């Protein structure tokens, strides 16, 4: 029985290598997806208590279109939306950029926000379900932009 299990493991590893997959089962096409879309932030350092503040959160498509795109932004409770939309739905052609421009007012200093600003996007890329999350937060002196975390068909995509 032990030898049968070992043989099955060797067979699975061999088939994975023949298919061009890495040790985690990802094909080169799976890794390529990282260069096909991205999320980003554009704006100032942050809002001081009582002051207004504007920024853009954007989803970009590159060589391939994105369909059934659903973008949602969540703000910390300390940020009050003055103008702008927190959601967008639609399709994006190749080399497109869809931004949500938000004008907010902070009830506290930026370093005291209880949660980060979060951009959540879902879309279809070449028939695959893709979900991305991107966070922006602040400490005493600077903005912290975390790399987007992506999943495709429920599997996390390595960001390297």
C-alpha atoms as a PDB file:
ATOM      1  CA  UNK A   1       0.000   0.000   0.000  1.00  0.00           C
ATOM      2  CA  UNK A   2       2.866   2.364   0.840  1.00  0.00           C
ATOM      3  CA  UNK A   3       4.356   1.948  -2.637  1.00  0.00           C
ATOM      4  CA  UNK A   4       1.023   2.664  -4.316  1.00  0.00           C
ATOM      5  CA  UNK A   5       0.704   5.962  -2.414  1.00  0.00           C
ATOM      6  CA  UNK A   6       4.278   6.885  -3.339  1.00  0.00           C
ATOM      7  CA  UNK A   7       3.637   6.028  -6.987  1.00  0.00           C
ATOM      8  CA  UNK A   8       0.491   8.181  -7.035  1.00  0.00           C
ATOM      9  CA  UNK A   9       2.432  11.125  -5.548  1.00  0.00           C
ATOM     10  CA  UNK A  10       5.178  10.749  -8.167  1.00  0.00           C
ATOM     11  CA  UNK A  11       2.525  10.600 -10.886  1.00  0.00           C
ATOM     12  CA  UNK A  12       0.826  13.787  -9.629  1.00  0.00           C
ATOM     13  CA  UNK A  13       4.124  15.681  -9.392  1.00  0.00           C
ATOM     14  CA  UNK A  14       5.128  14.463 -12.847  1.00  0.00           C
ATOM     15  CA  UNK A  15       1.853  15.550 -14.424  1.00  0.00           C
ATOM     16  CA  UNK A  16       2.123  18.943 -12.736  1.00  0.00           C
ATOM     17  CA  UNK A  17       5.615  19.454 -14.149  1.00  0.00           C
ATOM     18  CA  UNK A  18       4.547  18.292 -17.608  1.00  0.00           C
ATOM     19  CA  UNK A  19       1.702  20.805 -17.538  1.00  0.00           C
ATOM     20  CA  UNK A  20       4.234  23.597 -16.899  1.00  0.00           C
ATOM     21  CA  UNK A  21       2.979  24.325 -13.392  1.00  0.00           C
ATOM     22  CA  UNK A  22       5.097  25.361 -10.444  1.00  0.00           C
ATOM     23  CA  UNK A  23       5.260  23.522  -7.119  1.00  0.00           C
ATOM     24  CA  UNK A  24       1.963  25.127  -6.022  1.00  0.00           C
ATOM     25  CA  UNK A  25       0.129  24.032  -9.177  1.00  0.00           C
ATOM     26  CA  UNK A  26       0.112  27.486 -10.827  1.00  0.00           C
ATOM     27  CA  UNK A  27       0.689  27.654 -14.566  1.00  0.00           C
ATOM     28  CA  UNK A  28       2.638  30.473 -16.254  1.00  0.00           C
ATOM     29  CA  UNK A  29      -0.742  31.860 -17.389  1.00  0.00           C
ATOM     30  CA  UNK A  30      -1.848  32.093 -13.748  1.00  0.00           C
ATOM     31  CA  UNK A  31       1.231  34.153 -12.856  1.00  0.00           C
ATOM     32  CA  UNK A  32       0.808  36.274 -15.995  1.00  0.00           C
ATOM     33  CA  UNK A  33      -2.507  37.546 -14.659  1.00  0.00           C
ATOM     34  CA  UNK A  34      -0.652  39.880 -12.272  1.00  0.00           C
ATOM     35  CA  UNK A  35       0.527  42.000 -15.181  1.00  0.00           C
ATOM     36  CA  UNK A  36      -2.973  42.299 -16.643  1.00  0.00           C
ATOM     37  CA  UNK A  37      -4.663  44.474 -14.001  1.00  0.00           C
ATOM     38  CA  UNK A  38      -3.782  46.497 -10.918  1.00  0.00           C
ATOM     39  CA  UNK A  39      -5.280  48.771  -8.275  1.00  0.00           C
ATOM     40  CA  UNK A  40      -3.801  52.037  -7.090  1.00  0.00           C
ATOM     41  CA  UNK A  41      -4.182  55.189  -5.004  1.00  0.00           C
ATOM     42  CA  UNK A  42      -3.530  58.806  -5.882  1.00  0.00           C
ATOM     43  CA  UNK A  43      -3.861  61.595  -3.358  1.00  0.00           C
ATOM     44  CA  UNK A  44      -2.289  63.612  -0.597  1.00  0.00           C
ATOM     45  CA  UNK A  45      -0.819  62.530   2.701  1.00  0.00           C
ATOM     46  CA  UNK A  46      -4.082  62.463   4.613  1.00  0.00           C
ATOM     47  CA  UNK A  47      -6.755  64.484   6.295  1.00  0.00           C
ATOM     48  CA  UNK A  48      -6.340  66.407   9.500  1.00  0.00           C
ATOM     49  CA  UNK A  49      -9.260  66.633  11.887  1.00  0.00           C
ATOM     50  CA  UNK A  50     -12.017  68.764  10.365  1.00  0.00           C
ATOM     51  CA  UNK A  51     -10.246  69.293   7.043  1.00  0.00           C
ATOM     52  CA  UNK A  52     -11.375  68.154   3.623  1.00  0.00           C
ATOM     53  CA  UNK A  53      -9.365  65.679   1.628  1.00  0.00           C
ATOM     54  CA  UNK A  54      -9.610  64.242  -1.917  1.00  0.00           C
ATOM     55  CA  UNK A  55      -8.142  61.122  -3.475  1.00  0.00           C
ATOM     56  CA  UNK A  56      -8.621  58.622  -6.301  1.00  0.00           C
ATOM     57  CA  UNK A  57      -8.781  54.849  -6.030  1.00  0.00           C
ATOM     58  CA  UNK A  58      -8.349  53.238  -9.448  1.00  0.00           C
ATOM     59  CA  UNK A  59      -8.545  49.862 -11.152  1.00  0.00           C
ATOM     60  CA  UNK A  60      -6.472  49.541 -14.331  1.00  0.00           C
ATOM     61  CA  UNK A  61      -6.752  46.975 -17.099  1.00  0.00           C
ATOM     62  CA  UNK A  62      -3.830  46.407 -19.418  1.00  0.00           C
ATOM     63  CA  UNK A  63      -3.658  44.018 -22.385  1.00  0.00           C
ATOM     64  CA  UNK A  64      -7.064  42.380 -21.890  1.00  0.00           C
ATOM     65  CA  UNK A  65     -10.564  43.691 -21.136  1.00  0.00           C
ATOM     66  CA  UNK A  66     -12.271  43.115 -17.789  1.00  0.00           C
ATOM     67  CA  UNK A  67     -15.978  42.321 -17.691  1.00  0.00           C
ATOM     68  CA  UNK A  68     -18.664  42.457 -15.002  1.00  0.00           C
ATOM     69  CA  UNK A  69     -16.467  44.799 -12.962  1.00  0.00           C
ATOM     70  CA  UNK A  70     -17.788  45.688  -9.514  1.00  0.00           C
ATOM     71  CA  UNK A  71     -15.741  48.186  -7.469  1.00  0.00           C
ATOM     72  CA  UNK A  72     -16.622  49.123  -3.901  1.00  0.00           C
ATOM     73  CA  UNK A  73     -14.777  51.449  -1.509  1.00  0.00           C
ATOM     74  CA  UNK A  74     -15.168  51.226   2.268  1.00  0.00           C
ATOM     75  CA  UNK A  75     -14.152  54.219   4.359  1.00  0.00           C
ATOM     76  CA  UNK A  76     -13.176  54.299   8.024  1.00  0.00           C
ATOM     77  CA  UNK A  77     -16.077  55.547  10.172  1.00  0.00           C
ATOM     78  CA  UNK A  78     -13.987  58.644  10.932  1.00  0.00           C
ATOM     79  CA  UNK A  79     -14.194  59.725   7.261  1.00  0.00           C
ATOM     80  CA  UNK A  80     -17.393  61.339   6.059  1.00  0.00           C
ATOM     81  CA  UNK A  81     -18.064  61.298   2.316  1.00  0.00           C
ATOM     82  CA  UNK A  82     -18.641  64.846   1.028  1.00  0.00           C
ATOM     83  CA  UNK A  83     -18.759  64.042  -2.698  1.00  0.00           C
ATOM     84  CA  UNK A  84     -18.068  61.103  -4.982  1.00  0.00           C
ATOM     85  CA  UNK A  85     -19.281  57.558  -5.506  1.00  0.00           C
ATOM     86  CA  UNK A  86     -18.264  54.578  -3.384  1.00  0.00           C
ATOM     87  CA  UNK A  87     -19.318  52.041  -6.066  1.00  0.00           C
ATOM     88  CA  UNK A  88     -18.930  51.478  -9.797  1.00  0.00           C
ATOM     89  CA  UNK A  89     -20.165  48.671 -12.057  1.00  0.00           C
ATOM     90  CA  UNK A  90     -19.446  48.105 -15.721  1.00  0.00           C
ATOM     91  CA  UNK A  91     -16.974  46.673 -18.228  1.00  0.00           C
ATOM     92  CA  UNK A  92     -13.457  47.910 -18.911  1.00  0.00           C
ATOM     93  CA  UNK A  93     -11.765  47.717 -22.320  1.00  0.00           C
ATOM     94  CA  UNK A  94      -8.043  47.079 -22.696  1.00  0.00           C
ATOM     95  CA  UNK A  95      -5.678  49.748 -21.343  1.00  0.00           C
ATOM     96  CA  UNK A  96      -8.441  51.416 -19.336  1.00  0.00           C
ATOM     97  CA  UNK A  97      -8.470  53.095 -15.951  1.00  0.00           C
ATOM     98  CA  UNK A  98     -11.586  53.401 -13.800  1.00  0.00           C
ATOM     99  CA  UNK A  99     -11.218  55.726 -10.823  1.00  0.00           C
ATOM    100  CA  UNK A 100     -13.497  56.614  -7.954  1.00  0.00           C
ATOM    101  CA  UNK A 101     -12.707  60.202  -6.948  1.00  0.00           C
ATOM    102  CA  UNK A 102     -13.717  60.763  -3.349  1.00  0.00           C
ATOM    103  CA  UNK A 103     -13.934  64.006  -1.387  1.00  0.00           C
ATOM    104  CA  UNK A 104     -14.076  63.343   2.345  1.00  0.00           C
ATOM    105  CA  UNK A 105     -13.849  65.130   5.692  1.00  0.00           C
ATOM    106  CA  UNK A 106     -12.111  63.524   8.661  1.00  0.00           C
ATOM    107  CA  UNK A 107     -13.452  63.723  12.200  1.00  0.00           C
ATOM    108  CA  UNK A 108     -10.021  62.728  13.600  1.00  0.00           C
ATOM    109  CA  UNK A 109      -6.363  62.906  12.633  1.00  0.00           C
ATOM    110  CA  UNK A 110      -5.508  60.327   9.947  1.00  0.00           C
ATOM    111  CA  UNK A 111      -3.314  58.287  12.311  1.00  0.00           C
ATOM    112  CA  UNK A 112      -6.381  57.739  14.546  1.00  0.00           C
ATOM    113  CA  UNK A 113      -8.558  56.089  11.879  1.00  0.00           C
ATOM    114  CA  UNK A 114      -9.872  52.786  13.212  1.00  0.00           C
ATOM    115  CA  UNK A 115      -9.701  50.961   9.854  1.00  0.00           C
ATOM    116  CA  UNK A 116      -7.900  51.536   6.547  1.00  0.00           C
ATOM    117  CA  UNK A 117      -9.535  52.812   3.391  1.00  0.00           C
ATOM    118  CA  UNK A 118     -10.379  49.640   1.440  1.00  0.00           C
ATOM    119  CA  UNK A 119     -10.967  49.159  -2.276  1.00  0.00           C
ATOM    120  CA  UNK A 120     -12.608  45.851  -3.203  1.00  0.00           C
ATOM    121  CA  UNK A 121     -12.952  44.821  -6.839  1.00  0.00           C
ATOM    122  CA  UNK A 122     -14.492  41.785  -8.496  1.00  0.00           C
ATOM    123  CA  UNK A 123     -14.502  41.029 -12.220  1.00  0.00           C
ATOM    124  CA  UNK A 124     -14.131  38.407 -14.924  1.00  0.00           C
ATOM    125  CA  UNK A 125     -10.757  38.098 -16.619  1.00  0.00           C
ATOM    126  CA  UNK A 126     -10.677  35.618 -19.521  1.00  0.00           C
ATOM    127  CA  UNK A 127     -13.585  33.751 -17.908  1.00  0.00           C
ATOM    128  CA  UNK A 128     -11.908  33.587 -14.485  1.00  0.00           C
ATOM    129  CA  UNK A 129     -13.449  35.129 -11.361  1.00  0.00           C
ATOM    130  CA  UNK A 130     -10.962  37.621  -9.911  1.00  0.00           C
ATOM    131  CA  UNK A 131     -11.231  39.406  -6.563  1.00  0.00           C
ATOM    132  CA  UNK A 132      -8.833  42.072  -5.327  1.00  0.00           C
ATOM    133  CA  UNK A 133      -8.496  44.015  -2.069  1.00  0.00           C
ATOM    134  CA  UNK A 134      -6.323  47.087  -1.602  1.00  0.00           C
ATOM    135  CA  UNK A 135      -5.840  49.008   1.666  1.00  0.00           C
ATOM    136  CA  UNK A 136      -4.565  52.516   2.367  1.00  0.00           C
ATOM    137  CA  UNK A 137      -3.801  53.597   5.930  1.00  0.00           C
ATOM    138  CA  UNK A 138      -1.665  56.197   7.662  1.00  0.00           C
ATOM    139  CA  UNK A 139       0.712  56.318  10.576  1.00  0.00           C
ATOM    140  CA  UNK A 140       2.203  59.407  12.238  1.00  0.00           C
ATOM    141  CA  UNK A 141       4.034  60.683   9.172  1.00  0.00           C
ATOM    142  CA  UNK A 142       3.242  58.721   6.042  1.00  0.00           C
ATOM    143  CA  UNK A 143       0.744  56.901   3.913  1.00  0.00           C
ATOM    144  CA  UNK A 144       0.926  53.097   3.916  1.00  0.00           C
ATOM    145  CA  UNK A 145      -0.219  51.552   0.655  1.00  0.00           C
ATOM    146  CA  UNK A 146      -0.446  47.815   0.923  1.00  0.00           C
ATOM    147  CA  UNK A 147      -0.051  45.749  -2.214  1.00  0.00           C
ATOM    148  CA  UNK A 148      -3.324  44.475  -3.579  1.00  0.00           C
ATOM    149  CA  UNK A 149      -4.213  40.930  -2.551  1.00  0.00           C
ATOM    150  CA  UNK A 150      -5.683  39.015  -5.507  1.00  0.00           C
ATOM    151  CA  UNK A 151      -7.520  35.727  -5.805  1.00  0.00           C
ATOM    152  CA  UNK A 152      -8.501  33.990  -9.027  1.00  0.00           C
ATOM    153  CA  UNK A 153     -11.241  31.350  -8.880  1.00  0.00           C
ATOM    154  CA  UNK A 154     -10.831  31.336  -5.087  1.00  0.00           C
ATOM    155  CA  UNK A 155      -7.052  30.754  -5.115  1.00  0.00           C
ATOM    156  CA  UNK A 156      -4.678  33.488  -3.963  1.00  0.00           C
ATOM    157  CA  UNK A 157      -2.356  34.742  -6.680  1.00  0.00           C
ATOM    158  CA  UNK A 158       1.224  35.311  -5.558  1.00  0.00           C
ATOM    159  CA  UNK A 159       2.240  38.917  -6.011  1.00  0.00           C
ATOM    160  CA  UNK A 160       5.814  38.430  -7.221  1.00  0.00           C
END
